[in-house]
N, C-alpha and C. Protein backbone atom coordinates (compact mmCIF):
# COMPACT_ATOMS: atom_id res chain seq x y z
N MET A 1 140.11 145.23 127.39
CA MET A 1 139.10 145.71 128.32
C MET A 1 137.80 144.94 128.13
N LYS A 2 137.13 144.63 129.23
CA LYS A 2 135.84 143.98 129.18
C LYS A 2 134.78 144.89 129.80
N PHE A 3 133.60 144.84 129.22
CA PHE A 3 132.48 145.56 129.81
C PHE A 3 131.19 144.84 129.49
N LEU A 4 130.16 145.15 130.24
CA LEU A 4 128.86 144.53 130.06
C LEU A 4 127.90 145.51 129.41
N ILE A 5 127.08 145.00 128.53
CA ILE A 5 125.96 145.77 127.98
C ILE A 5 124.67 145.13 128.49
N ALA A 6 123.95 145.88 129.29
CA ALA A 6 122.63 145.44 129.72
C ALA A 6 121.63 145.90 128.67
N TYR A 7 120.58 145.12 128.48
CA TYR A 7 119.61 145.49 127.45
C TYR A 7 118.23 144.95 127.81
N GLY A 8 117.25 145.47 127.08
CA GLY A 8 115.89 144.97 127.23
C GLY A 8 115.07 145.61 128.31
N THR A 9 115.53 146.72 128.89
CA THR A 9 114.79 147.40 129.95
C THR A 9 114.75 148.90 129.67
N ALA A 10 113.71 149.54 130.22
CA ALA A 10 113.57 150.98 130.02
C ALA A 10 114.64 151.74 130.80
N GLU A 11 115.00 151.23 131.97
CA GLU A 11 115.99 151.89 132.81
C GLU A 11 117.04 150.88 133.26
N TRP A 12 118.24 151.40 133.51
CA TRP A 12 119.32 150.54 134.01
C TRP A 12 119.49 150.75 135.51
N ARG A 13 119.55 149.63 136.22
CA ARG A 13 119.82 149.67 137.66
C ARG A 13 120.97 148.75 137.96
N PRO A 14 121.97 149.22 138.69
CA PRO A 14 123.16 148.38 138.93
C PRO A 14 122.84 147.11 139.70
N GLU A 15 121.78 147.11 140.50
CA GLU A 15 121.47 145.91 141.27
C GLU A 15 120.69 144.88 140.47
N ALA A 16 120.18 145.28 139.31
CA ALA A 16 119.38 144.35 138.51
C ALA A 16 120.29 143.41 137.74
N ARG A 17 119.88 142.15 137.63
CA ARG A 17 120.63 141.16 136.86
C ARG A 17 119.74 140.66 135.73
N GLY A 18 119.52 141.54 134.79
CA GLY A 18 118.69 141.18 133.65
C GLY A 18 119.53 140.68 132.50
N ALA A 19 118.99 140.84 131.30
CA ALA A 19 119.71 140.40 130.10
C ALA A 19 120.96 141.26 129.92
N GLN A 20 122.07 140.62 129.61
CA GLN A 20 123.30 141.34 129.38
C GLN A 20 124.28 140.46 128.63
N VAL A 21 125.20 141.11 127.95
CA VAL A 21 126.27 140.40 127.25
C VAL A 21 127.60 141.03 127.62
N ALA A 22 128.64 140.22 127.60
CA ALA A 22 129.99 140.69 127.89
C ALA A 22 130.73 140.96 126.59
N ILE A 23 131.41 142.07 126.55
CA ILE A 23 132.21 142.45 125.39
C ILE A 23 133.68 142.49 125.81
N ASP A 24 134.51 141.82 125.06
CA ASP A 24 135.96 141.85 125.27
C ASP A 24 136.57 142.59 124.09
N THR A 25 136.96 143.82 124.32
CA THR A 25 137.44 144.65 123.21
C THR A 25 138.76 144.15 122.65
N GLU A 26 139.57 143.51 123.48
CA GLU A 26 140.87 143.03 122.99
C GLU A 26 140.73 141.86 122.03
N ALA A 27 139.66 141.07 122.19
CA ALA A 27 139.44 139.93 121.31
C ALA A 27 139.08 140.36 119.90
N ARG A 28 138.46 141.53 119.80
CA ARG A 28 138.06 142.10 118.51
C ARG A 28 137.13 141.17 117.73
N ASP A 29 136.32 140.43 118.46
CA ASP A 29 135.33 139.55 117.83
C ASP A 29 133.99 140.25 117.79
N PRO A 30 133.35 140.32 116.63
CA PRO A 30 132.00 140.92 116.58
C PRO A 30 131.02 140.12 117.42
N LEU A 31 130.01 140.78 117.93
CA LEU A 31 128.90 140.09 118.59
C LEU A 31 127.91 139.69 117.50
N ARG A 32 127.76 138.39 117.31
CA ARG A 32 126.94 137.87 116.22
C ARG A 32 125.69 137.19 116.77
N LEU A 33 124.78 136.89 115.86
CA LEU A 33 123.57 136.16 116.27
C LEU A 33 123.93 134.82 116.89
N ASN A 34 125.04 134.22 116.49
CA ASN A 34 125.39 132.92 117.03
C ASN A 34 126.13 133.02 118.36
N ASP A 35 126.27 134.23 118.91
CA ASP A 35 126.91 134.42 120.21
C ASP A 35 125.86 134.55 121.31
N GLY A 36 126.08 133.86 122.42
CA GLY A 36 125.20 133.98 123.57
C GLY A 36 125.70 135.08 124.51
N PRO A 37 125.09 135.13 125.71
CA PRO A 37 124.03 134.24 126.13
C PRO A 37 122.65 134.70 125.65
N TYR A 38 121.74 133.73 125.46
CA TYR A 38 120.33 133.99 125.22
C TYR A 38 119.58 133.32 126.38
N ASP A 39 118.67 134.03 126.94
CA ASP A 39 117.94 133.51 128.09
C ASP A 39 116.57 133.02 127.64
N PHE A 40 116.54 131.79 127.13
CA PHE A 40 115.27 131.18 126.73
C PHE A 40 114.73 130.36 127.90
N ALA A 41 113.49 130.61 128.26
CA ALA A 41 112.87 129.77 129.28
C ALA A 41 112.65 128.36 128.72
N GLU A 42 112.23 128.30 127.48
CA GLU A 42 112.00 127.01 126.83
C GLU A 42 112.12 127.22 125.32
N LEU A 43 112.90 126.36 124.69
CA LEU A 43 113.09 126.47 123.26
C LEU A 43 112.03 125.67 122.51
N PRO A 44 111.47 126.23 121.44
CA PRO A 44 110.54 125.46 120.60
C PRO A 44 111.29 124.36 119.87
N PRO A 45 110.57 123.30 119.45
CA PRO A 45 111.22 122.18 118.76
C PRO A 45 112.01 122.60 117.53
N ALA A 46 111.56 123.67 116.85
CA ALA A 46 112.24 124.10 115.63
C ALA A 46 113.68 124.54 115.88
N ALA A 47 114.03 124.82 117.15
CA ALA A 47 115.40 125.22 117.45
C ALA A 47 116.39 124.12 117.10
N GLY A 48 115.96 122.87 117.26
CA GLY A 48 116.86 121.78 116.98
C GLY A 48 116.63 121.10 115.65
N THR A 49 115.40 121.16 115.16
CA THR A 49 115.06 120.40 113.96
C THR A 49 114.57 121.25 112.81
N GLY A 50 114.38 122.54 113.03
CA GLY A 50 113.80 123.39 111.99
C GLY A 50 114.81 123.81 110.95
N THR A 51 114.30 124.46 109.93
CA THR A 51 115.14 125.02 108.88
C THR A 51 115.88 126.25 109.42
N VAL A 52 116.83 126.73 108.64
CA VAL A 52 117.52 127.96 109.03
C VAL A 52 116.53 129.10 109.20
N ALA A 53 115.57 129.21 108.30
CA ALA A 53 114.57 130.28 108.38
C ALA A 53 113.75 130.16 109.67
N GLU A 54 113.40 128.96 110.06
CA GLU A 54 112.61 128.78 111.28
C GLU A 54 113.43 129.11 112.52
N ARG A 55 114.70 128.76 112.51
CA ARG A 55 115.55 129.07 113.66
C ARG A 55 115.86 130.56 113.74
N LEU A 56 116.03 131.21 112.59
CA LEU A 56 116.20 132.66 112.59
C LEU A 56 114.95 133.35 113.13
N ALA A 57 113.78 132.81 112.79
CA ALA A 57 112.53 133.39 113.29
C ALA A 57 112.45 133.31 114.81
N ILE A 58 113.00 132.25 115.38
CA ILE A 58 113.03 132.12 116.84
C ILE A 58 113.85 133.26 117.45
N LEU A 59 115.02 133.50 116.88
CA LEU A 59 115.86 134.59 117.37
C LEU A 59 115.19 135.94 117.15
N ARG A 60 114.59 136.13 115.99
CA ARG A 60 113.91 137.40 115.68
C ARG A 60 112.82 137.69 116.71
N ASP A 61 111.98 136.71 116.98
CA ASP A 61 110.87 136.93 117.91
C ASP A 61 111.38 137.11 119.33
N HIS A 62 112.44 136.39 119.68
CA HIS A 62 113.02 136.52 121.01
C HIS A 62 113.57 137.92 121.23
N LEU A 63 114.33 138.42 120.26
CA LEU A 63 114.91 139.76 120.39
C LEU A 63 113.84 140.84 120.40
N ALA A 64 112.78 140.64 119.63
CA ALA A 64 111.70 141.63 119.59
C ALA A 64 111.02 141.79 120.95
N GLU A 65 111.05 140.73 121.75
CA GLU A 65 110.42 140.79 123.06
C GLU A 65 111.15 141.74 124.00
N PHE A 66 112.39 142.09 123.69
CA PHE A 66 113.14 143.01 124.54
C PHE A 66 112.87 144.47 124.19
N CYS A 67 112.11 144.71 123.13
CA CYS A 67 111.66 146.06 122.81
C CYS A 67 110.46 146.41 123.68
N ASP A 68 110.22 147.69 123.82
CA ASP A 68 109.00 148.14 124.50
C ASP A 68 107.80 147.57 123.75
N GLN A 69 106.91 146.90 124.47
CA GLN A 69 105.78 146.25 123.79
C GLN A 69 104.85 147.25 123.12
N TRP A 70 104.91 148.53 123.53
CA TRP A 70 104.03 149.53 122.93
C TRP A 70 104.73 150.34 121.86
N ALA A 71 106.01 150.06 121.63
CA ALA A 71 106.79 150.80 120.63
C ALA A 71 106.80 150.02 119.33
N LYS A 72 106.00 150.44 118.38
CA LYS A 72 105.83 149.69 117.14
C LYS A 72 107.09 149.71 116.28
N ARG A 73 107.72 150.88 116.13
CA ARG A 73 108.82 150.99 115.19
C ARG A 73 110.06 150.17 115.59
N PRO A 74 110.48 150.17 116.86
CA PRO A 74 111.61 149.30 117.20
C PRO A 74 111.33 147.82 116.93
N ARG A 75 110.13 147.36 117.21
CA ARG A 75 109.80 145.97 116.93
C ARG A 75 109.80 145.72 115.42
N GLN A 76 109.35 146.71 114.69
CA GLN A 76 109.37 146.59 113.23
C GLN A 76 110.81 146.60 112.72
N PHE A 77 111.68 147.35 113.39
CA PHE A 77 113.09 147.37 113.01
C PHE A 77 113.69 145.97 113.13
N VAL A 78 113.37 145.26 114.20
CA VAL A 78 113.91 143.91 114.39
C VAL A 78 113.50 143.01 113.22
N ALA A 79 112.21 143.04 112.87
CA ALA A 79 111.73 142.22 111.75
C ALA A 79 112.42 142.64 110.45
N LEU A 80 112.58 143.94 110.27
CA LEU A 80 113.21 144.45 109.05
C LEU A 80 114.68 144.04 108.99
N TYR A 81 115.34 144.05 110.15
CA TYR A 81 116.74 143.67 110.19
C TYR A 81 116.95 142.22 109.76
N PHE A 82 116.06 141.34 110.20
CA PHE A 82 116.19 139.94 109.79
C PHE A 82 115.88 139.76 108.31
N ARG A 83 115.01 140.59 107.75
CA ARG A 83 114.80 140.55 106.30
C ARG A 83 116.03 141.09 105.58
N PHE A 84 116.69 142.06 106.17
CA PHE A 84 117.95 142.57 105.63
C PHE A 84 118.99 141.45 105.57
N ILE A 85 119.07 140.65 106.63
CA ILE A 85 120.00 139.51 106.64
C ILE A 85 119.66 138.55 105.50
N ASP A 86 118.38 138.24 105.35
CA ASP A 86 117.96 137.36 104.25
C ASP A 86 118.39 137.93 102.90
N GLY A 87 118.28 139.25 102.76
CA GLY A 87 118.64 139.89 101.51
C GLY A 87 120.13 139.80 101.23
N VAL A 88 120.94 139.91 102.27
CA VAL A 88 122.39 139.79 102.08
C VAL A 88 122.74 138.38 101.60
N ILE A 89 122.15 137.37 102.24
CA ILE A 89 122.41 135.99 101.84
C ILE A 89 121.97 135.77 100.40
N ALA A 90 120.82 136.30 100.03
CA ALA A 90 120.31 136.13 98.67
C ALA A 90 121.24 136.81 97.66
N ALA A 91 121.68 138.02 97.98
CA ALA A 91 122.51 138.76 97.04
C ALA A 91 123.90 138.15 96.88
N ASP A 92 124.43 137.56 97.96
CA ASP A 92 125.79 137.02 97.95
C ASP A 92 125.81 135.50 97.88
N ARG A 93 124.69 134.91 97.52
CA ARG A 93 124.59 133.44 97.58
C ARG A 93 125.66 132.74 96.73
N ALA A 94 125.93 133.27 95.55
CA ALA A 94 126.92 132.62 94.69
C ALA A 94 128.30 132.66 95.32
N ALA A 95 128.67 133.82 95.88
CA ALA A 95 129.99 133.94 96.50
C ALA A 95 130.09 133.07 97.75
N ILE A 96 129.04 133.05 98.56
CA ILE A 96 129.06 132.22 99.76
C ILE A 96 129.08 130.75 99.37
N GLY A 97 128.30 130.39 98.34
CA GLY A 97 128.27 129.01 97.88
C GLY A 97 129.64 128.52 97.43
N ALA A 98 130.39 129.40 96.75
CA ALA A 98 131.74 129.02 96.31
C ALA A 98 132.64 128.77 97.51
N HIS A 99 132.41 129.52 98.59
CA HIS A 99 133.21 129.35 99.79
C HIS A 99 132.89 128.03 100.50
N VAL A 100 131.62 127.66 100.56
CA VAL A 100 131.24 126.47 101.34
C VAL A 100 131.44 125.17 100.57
N LYS A 101 131.74 125.26 99.29
CA LYS A 101 131.96 124.03 98.51
C LYS A 101 133.07 123.17 99.09
N LYS A 102 134.06 123.82 99.69
CA LYS A 102 135.21 123.10 100.22
C LYS A 102 134.82 122.17 101.38
N PHE A 103 133.62 122.38 101.94
CA PHE A 103 133.20 121.58 103.09
C PHE A 103 132.34 120.38 102.67
N GLY A 104 132.26 120.14 101.38
CA GLY A 104 131.62 118.93 100.89
C GLY A 104 130.15 118.80 101.22
N GLY A 105 129.42 119.90 101.22
CA GLY A 105 127.99 119.85 101.46
C GLY A 105 127.58 119.87 102.92
N LEU A 106 128.53 120.03 103.84
CA LEU A 106 128.19 120.07 105.26
C LEU A 106 127.40 121.33 105.61
N PHE A 107 127.71 122.44 104.93
CA PHE A 107 127.04 123.70 105.18
C PHE A 107 126.40 124.23 103.90
N THR A 108 125.49 125.17 104.09
CA THR A 108 124.88 125.88 102.97
C THR A 108 125.10 127.38 103.16
N ALA A 109 124.83 128.13 102.13
CA ALA A 109 124.96 129.58 102.24
C ALA A 109 124.05 130.13 103.33
N ASP A 110 122.86 129.56 103.48
CA ASP A 110 121.90 130.06 104.47
C ASP A 110 122.45 129.95 105.89
N ASP A 111 123.32 128.97 106.15
CA ASP A 111 123.86 128.79 107.50
C ASP A 111 124.65 130.01 107.96
N TYR A 112 125.16 130.79 107.00
CA TYR A 112 125.96 131.95 107.37
C TYR A 112 125.09 133.11 107.89
N ALA A 113 123.78 132.97 107.82
CA ALA A 113 122.92 134.04 108.34
C ALA A 113 123.14 134.26 109.83
N PHE A 114 123.52 133.21 110.56
CA PHE A 114 123.74 133.34 112.00
C PHE A 114 125.01 134.13 112.32
N SER A 115 125.80 134.43 111.29
CA SER A 115 127.01 135.25 111.50
C SER A 115 126.70 136.74 111.48
N ALA A 116 125.46 137.11 111.19
CA ALA A 116 125.09 138.53 111.17
C ALA A 116 125.26 139.15 112.55
N LEU A 117 125.53 140.44 112.59
CA LEU A 117 125.68 141.14 113.86
C LEU A 117 124.38 141.07 114.66
N ARG A 118 124.52 140.91 115.94
CA ARG A 118 123.36 140.73 116.82
C ARG A 118 122.89 142.07 117.38
N PRO A 119 121.62 142.41 117.19
CA PRO A 119 121.10 143.65 117.77
C PRO A 119 120.72 143.46 119.24
N LEU A 120 121.01 144.45 120.05
CA LEU A 120 120.63 144.44 121.47
C LEU A 120 119.61 145.57 121.68
N PRO A 121 118.32 145.23 121.79
CA PRO A 121 117.30 146.27 121.94
C PRO A 121 117.35 146.93 123.31
N ARG A 122 117.03 148.21 123.32
CA ARG A 122 117.01 149.01 124.56
C ARG A 122 118.29 148.75 125.35
N ALA A 123 119.42 148.99 124.70
CA ALA A 123 120.72 148.72 125.29
C ALA A 123 121.20 149.91 126.12
N HIS A 124 121.85 149.60 127.22
CA HIS A 124 122.39 150.63 128.12
C HIS A 124 123.91 150.59 128.02
N LEU A 125 124.47 151.57 127.34
CA LEU A 125 125.90 151.57 127.05
C LEU A 125 126.68 152.29 128.15
N PRO A 126 127.76 151.68 128.62
CA PRO A 126 128.59 152.34 129.64
C PRO A 126 129.40 153.46 129.02
N VAL A 127 129.11 154.67 129.44
CA VAL A 127 129.82 155.85 128.95
C VAL A 127 130.28 156.63 130.17
N GLY A 128 131.57 156.53 130.47
CA GLY A 128 132.07 157.13 131.70
C GLY A 128 131.42 156.46 132.90
N ASP A 129 130.88 157.28 133.78
CA ASP A 129 130.19 156.74 134.96
C ASP A 129 128.70 156.56 134.71
N ALA A 130 128.25 156.85 133.52
CA ALA A 130 126.82 156.79 133.22
C ALA A 130 126.50 155.58 132.35
N ARG A 131 125.21 155.30 132.22
CA ARG A 131 124.69 154.32 131.27
C ARG A 131 123.69 155.05 130.39
N LEU A 132 123.97 155.09 129.11
CA LEU A 132 123.10 155.79 128.18
C LEU A 132 122.34 154.77 127.34
N ARG A 133 121.02 154.93 127.32
CA ARG A 133 120.20 153.96 126.60
C ARG A 133 120.05 154.36 125.14
N VAL A 134 120.15 153.36 124.27
CA VAL A 134 119.91 153.56 122.84
C VAL A 134 118.88 152.52 122.41
N ASP A 135 118.24 152.76 121.29
CA ASP A 135 117.22 151.81 120.82
C ASP A 135 117.83 150.46 120.51
N PHE A 136 119.00 150.45 119.85
CA PHE A 136 119.69 149.20 119.52
C PHE A 136 121.19 149.44 119.56
N ALA A 137 121.91 148.46 120.08
CA ALA A 137 123.37 148.51 120.07
C ALA A 137 123.90 147.29 119.34
N PHE A 138 125.00 147.49 118.64
CA PHE A 138 125.73 146.43 117.96
C PHE A 138 127.21 146.57 118.31
N TRP A 139 127.90 145.44 118.43
CA TRP A 139 129.35 145.47 118.60
C TRP A 139 129.97 144.85 117.35
N THR A 140 130.75 145.63 116.62
CA THR A 140 131.31 145.17 115.35
C THR A 140 132.63 144.43 115.51
N GLY A 141 133.16 144.39 116.73
CA GLY A 141 134.49 143.86 116.96
C GLY A 141 135.52 144.96 117.08
N VAL A 142 135.15 146.15 116.60
CA VAL A 142 136.03 147.31 116.64
C VAL A 142 135.38 148.46 117.42
N ARG A 143 134.08 148.60 117.27
CA ARG A 143 133.41 149.72 117.92
C ARG A 143 131.95 149.36 118.18
N LEU A 144 131.35 150.16 119.06
CA LEU A 144 129.92 150.08 119.29
C LEU A 144 129.20 150.93 118.26
N VAL A 145 128.10 150.42 117.77
CA VAL A 145 127.22 151.18 116.88
C VAL A 145 125.87 151.29 117.56
N ALA A 146 125.39 152.50 117.72
CA ALA A 146 124.09 152.76 118.33
C ALA A 146 123.11 153.19 117.25
N VAL A 147 121.98 152.51 117.19
CA VAL A 147 120.93 152.84 116.22
C VAL A 147 119.71 153.34 116.99
N ASP A 148 119.26 154.53 116.66
CA ASP A 148 118.05 155.08 117.24
C ASP A 148 117.01 155.28 116.15
N ILE A 149 115.76 154.93 116.47
CA ILE A 149 114.64 155.19 115.57
C ILE A 149 114.12 156.58 115.90
N ALA A 150 114.35 157.53 115.01
CA ALA A 150 114.05 158.93 115.29
C ALA A 150 112.66 159.30 114.82
N GLY A 151 111.86 159.83 115.73
CA GLY A 151 110.52 160.31 115.39
C GLY A 151 110.56 161.75 114.92
N ASP A 152 109.40 162.38 114.95
CA ASP A 152 109.29 163.76 114.49
C ASP A 152 109.47 164.78 115.60
N GLU A 153 109.68 164.28 116.85
CA GLU A 153 109.76 165.20 117.97
C GLU A 153 111.04 166.03 117.89
N ALA A 154 110.98 167.21 118.48
CA ALA A 154 112.13 168.11 118.47
C ALA A 154 113.24 167.54 119.36
N ARG A 155 114.47 167.77 118.96
CA ARG A 155 115.62 167.33 119.74
C ARG A 155 116.09 168.48 120.63
N GLY A 156 116.04 168.27 121.94
CA GLY A 156 116.43 169.30 122.87
C GLY A 156 117.87 169.18 123.30
N SER A 157 118.24 169.96 124.30
CA SER A 157 119.62 169.99 124.77
C SER A 157 120.03 168.66 125.39
N ALA A 158 119.10 167.97 126.05
CA ALA A 158 119.43 166.68 126.67
C ALA A 158 119.81 165.66 125.60
N TRP A 159 119.07 165.66 124.49
CA TRP A 159 119.38 164.74 123.39
C TRP A 159 120.74 165.08 122.78
N GLN A 160 121.01 166.36 122.61
CA GLN A 160 122.28 166.77 122.04
C GLN A 160 123.44 166.40 122.95
N GLU A 161 123.26 166.53 124.26
CA GLU A 161 124.30 166.16 125.19
C GLU A 161 124.52 164.65 125.19
N ARG A 162 123.45 163.88 125.09
CA ARG A 162 123.56 162.43 124.98
C ARG A 162 124.36 162.06 123.74
N ALA A 163 124.05 162.69 122.61
CA ALA A 163 124.77 162.43 121.37
C ALA A 163 126.25 162.77 121.52
N ARG A 164 126.53 163.89 122.18
CA ARG A 164 127.93 164.29 122.37
C ARG A 164 128.69 163.27 123.20
N GLN A 165 128.06 162.77 124.27
CA GLN A 165 128.73 161.81 125.14
C GLN A 165 128.98 160.48 124.40
N LEU A 166 128.01 160.03 123.63
CA LEU A 166 128.19 158.79 122.89
C LEU A 166 129.32 158.91 121.89
N GLU A 167 129.34 160.00 121.15
CA GLU A 167 130.37 160.20 120.15
C GLU A 167 131.74 160.36 120.79
N ALA A 168 131.81 161.04 121.94
CA ALA A 168 133.08 161.21 122.64
C ALA A 168 133.62 159.87 123.14
N ALA A 169 132.71 158.92 123.40
CA ALA A 169 133.11 157.59 123.86
C ALA A 169 133.44 156.66 122.70
N GLY A 170 133.39 157.16 121.48
CA GLY A 170 133.74 156.35 120.32
C GLY A 170 132.60 155.52 119.77
N VAL A 171 131.37 155.82 120.18
CA VAL A 171 130.21 155.09 119.69
C VAL A 171 129.75 155.73 118.38
N GLN A 172 129.59 154.91 117.35
CA GLN A 172 129.06 155.42 116.09
C GLN A 172 127.55 155.51 116.19
N ARG A 173 127.01 156.68 116.01
CA ARG A 173 125.57 156.91 116.13
C ARG A 173 124.91 156.91 114.76
N ILE A 174 123.77 156.22 114.68
CA ILE A 174 122.98 156.20 113.45
C ILE A 174 121.54 156.47 113.84
N GLU A 175 120.94 157.44 113.21
CA GLU A 175 119.51 157.71 113.40
C GLU A 175 118.78 157.32 112.13
N ILE A 176 117.77 156.49 112.28
CA ILE A 176 116.93 156.10 111.15
C ILE A 176 115.54 156.67 111.40
N PRO A 177 115.03 157.48 110.51
CA PRO A 177 113.71 158.07 110.73
C PRO A 177 112.63 156.99 110.89
N SER A 178 111.71 157.25 111.78
CA SER A 178 110.60 156.33 111.99
C SER A 178 109.83 156.09 110.70
N ALA A 179 109.68 157.15 109.91
CA ALA A 179 108.95 157.02 108.65
C ALA A 179 109.68 156.09 107.68
N ALA A 180 111.01 156.05 107.75
CA ALA A 180 111.77 155.15 106.88
C ALA A 180 111.56 153.70 107.30
N VAL A 181 111.55 153.45 108.60
CA VAL A 181 111.29 152.09 109.09
C VAL A 181 109.88 151.65 108.70
N ALA A 182 108.95 152.59 108.73
CA ALA A 182 107.56 152.28 108.40
C ALA A 182 107.39 151.84 106.95
N LYS A 183 108.35 152.17 106.10
CA LYS A 183 108.27 151.74 104.70
C LYS A 183 108.42 150.23 104.56
N ASP A 184 108.96 149.59 105.60
CA ASP A 184 109.10 148.13 105.63
C ASP A 184 109.93 147.63 104.44
N ASP A 185 111.01 148.35 104.16
CA ASP A 185 111.87 148.02 103.02
C ASP A 185 113.29 147.76 103.54
N PRO A 186 113.81 146.54 103.41
CA PRO A 186 115.17 146.25 103.91
C PRO A 186 116.24 147.13 103.29
N ASP A 187 116.00 147.68 102.11
CA ASP A 187 116.99 148.56 101.49
C ASP A 187 117.23 149.81 102.33
N VAL A 188 116.25 150.17 103.16
CA VAL A 188 116.44 151.30 104.07
C VAL A 188 117.62 151.02 105.00
N LEU A 189 117.71 149.81 105.51
CA LEU A 189 118.80 149.44 106.41
C LEU A 189 120.11 149.29 105.64
N ARG A 190 120.03 148.77 104.44
CA ARG A 190 121.25 148.62 103.64
C ARG A 190 121.89 149.99 103.40
N ALA A 191 121.07 151.02 103.24
CA ALA A 191 121.59 152.37 103.01
C ALA A 191 122.06 153.02 104.31
N ALA A 192 121.42 152.68 105.42
CA ALA A 192 121.71 153.38 106.67
C ALA A 192 122.84 152.77 107.47
N LEU A 193 123.01 151.45 107.40
CA LEU A 193 123.97 150.77 108.26
C LEU A 193 125.36 150.76 107.62
N PRO A 194 126.41 150.72 108.45
CA PRO A 194 127.79 150.68 107.92
C PRO A 194 128.03 149.44 107.07
N PRO A 195 129.03 149.47 106.18
CA PRO A 195 129.27 148.37 105.24
C PRO A 195 129.48 147.01 105.90
N GLU A 196 130.08 146.97 107.09
CA GLU A 196 130.35 145.68 107.72
C GLU A 196 129.09 144.93 108.12
N PHE A 197 127.96 145.63 108.18
CA PHE A 197 126.71 144.95 108.51
C PHE A 197 126.30 144.00 107.38
N ALA A 198 126.61 144.37 106.15
CA ALA A 198 126.27 143.52 105.01
C ALA A 198 127.41 142.57 104.65
N ALA A 199 128.56 142.72 105.30
CA ALA A 199 129.71 141.88 104.99
C ALA A 199 129.94 140.86 106.10
N PHE A 200 128.88 140.53 106.84
CA PHE A 200 129.05 139.72 108.04
C PHE A 200 129.61 138.33 107.77
N TRP A 201 129.37 137.78 106.58
CA TRP A 201 129.82 136.42 106.30
C TRP A 201 131.27 136.37 105.82
N GLN A 202 131.77 137.50 105.40
CA GLN A 202 133.12 137.53 104.84
C GLN A 202 134.16 137.35 105.95
N GLY A 203 135.09 136.46 105.72
CA GLY A 203 136.12 136.19 106.72
C GLY A 203 135.71 135.18 107.77
N GLU A 204 134.47 134.70 107.72
CA GLU A 204 134.01 133.67 108.66
C GLU A 204 134.41 132.31 108.10
N PRO A 205 135.32 131.60 108.74
CA PRO A 205 135.75 130.31 108.19
C PRO A 205 134.65 129.25 108.21
N LEU A 206 133.87 129.24 109.28
CA LEU A 206 132.79 128.26 109.42
C LEU A 206 131.56 128.94 109.99
N PRO A 207 130.38 128.56 109.53
CA PRO A 207 129.17 129.08 110.16
C PRO A 207 128.89 128.34 111.45
N SER A 208 128.13 128.94 112.32
CA SER A 208 127.70 128.26 113.54
C SER A 208 126.33 128.78 113.94
N SER A 209 125.65 128.00 114.76
CA SER A 209 124.31 128.34 115.22
C SER A 209 124.33 128.43 116.74
N PRO A 210 123.47 129.26 117.33
CA PRO A 210 123.44 129.33 118.79
C PRO A 210 122.63 128.21 119.44
N PHE A 211 122.07 127.31 118.66
CA PHE A 211 121.13 126.34 119.22
C PHE A 211 121.78 125.00 119.53
N ARG A 212 121.58 124.55 120.74
CA ARG A 212 122.04 123.23 121.16
C ARG A 212 121.27 122.17 120.39
N GLY A 213 121.94 121.07 120.10
CA GLY A 213 121.26 119.97 119.43
C GLY A 213 121.32 120.06 117.93
N THR A 214 122.03 121.08 117.40
CA THR A 214 122.21 121.17 115.95
C THR A 214 123.66 120.83 115.64
N THR A 215 123.97 120.70 114.40
CA THR A 215 125.34 120.38 113.99
C THR A 215 126.20 121.63 113.93
N LEU A 216 125.61 122.79 114.20
CA LEU A 216 126.35 124.04 114.01
C LEU A 216 126.79 124.71 115.29
N GLY A 217 126.40 124.20 116.45
CA GLY A 217 126.84 124.86 117.67
C GLY A 217 125.84 124.66 118.78
N GLU A 218 125.92 125.50 119.79
CA GLU A 218 125.00 125.38 120.90
C GLU A 218 124.70 126.74 121.48
N ILE A 219 123.58 126.81 122.18
CA ILE A 219 123.15 128.05 122.78
C ILE A 219 123.66 128.15 124.20
N GLU A 220 123.98 129.36 124.65
CA GLU A 220 124.42 129.56 126.00
C GLU A 220 123.27 130.17 126.80
N ILE A 221 123.08 129.68 128.01
CA ILE A 221 122.03 130.18 128.88
C ILE A 221 122.68 130.77 130.13
N GLY A 222 122.23 131.94 130.54
CA GLY A 222 122.72 132.50 131.80
C GLY A 222 123.52 133.76 131.58
N ASP A 223 124.03 134.29 132.69
CA ASP A 223 124.79 135.52 132.65
C ASP A 223 126.24 135.26 132.28
N PRO A 224 126.91 136.22 131.64
CA PRO A 224 128.32 136.06 131.36
C PRO A 224 129.11 135.98 132.66
N ASP A 225 130.13 135.16 132.67
CA ASP A 225 130.94 134.97 133.88
C ASP A 225 132.33 135.52 133.62
N PHE A 226 132.70 136.52 134.38
CA PHE A 226 134.04 137.08 134.25
C PHE A 226 135.02 136.27 135.09
């Protein structure tokens, strides 16, 4: 089965052709940072010539732009998530390094950072005939994971019904308190996210990058074509 996830908008409209990605559930491939499409109007020079850290920063800033510009915590979550990726690479550097040795220096452990799961801010998930918005959506290759930044406001019946519909559709729901995100500690995400989020490099035979003009791959521009 294939479906589209629209993201980056407060509301979903069927006639709008905004940012979206196609998911093929039968392929069972996770949606990673190195998967397109990304709609860049113009790429900075660092996309082709920069370090891994500089190219990751391009993706981080690009994804943050799809958050509500007045919503501090979701934008902070994006920055924190990329620090979480850095932490995984740092913690597993020896194991990743042993894996890449077979390629004779063509890749480094840092190159595997682009294999991390890709967050889709303000994602509209197809649930039955409806589209339910979540703060962030991830596709693990097996299931959708919805991450919401939870404030102190009371949860009413509408929120409970939304949660019921997501769970009935097989979406794994995760709520991270706004106060926890405000701590600006990547360990908060390591504790909150499922284990596969930190195991993104495992089982990846080769790293790749979404950027054209690099030795690791190329970026896709435009809408998915069915």
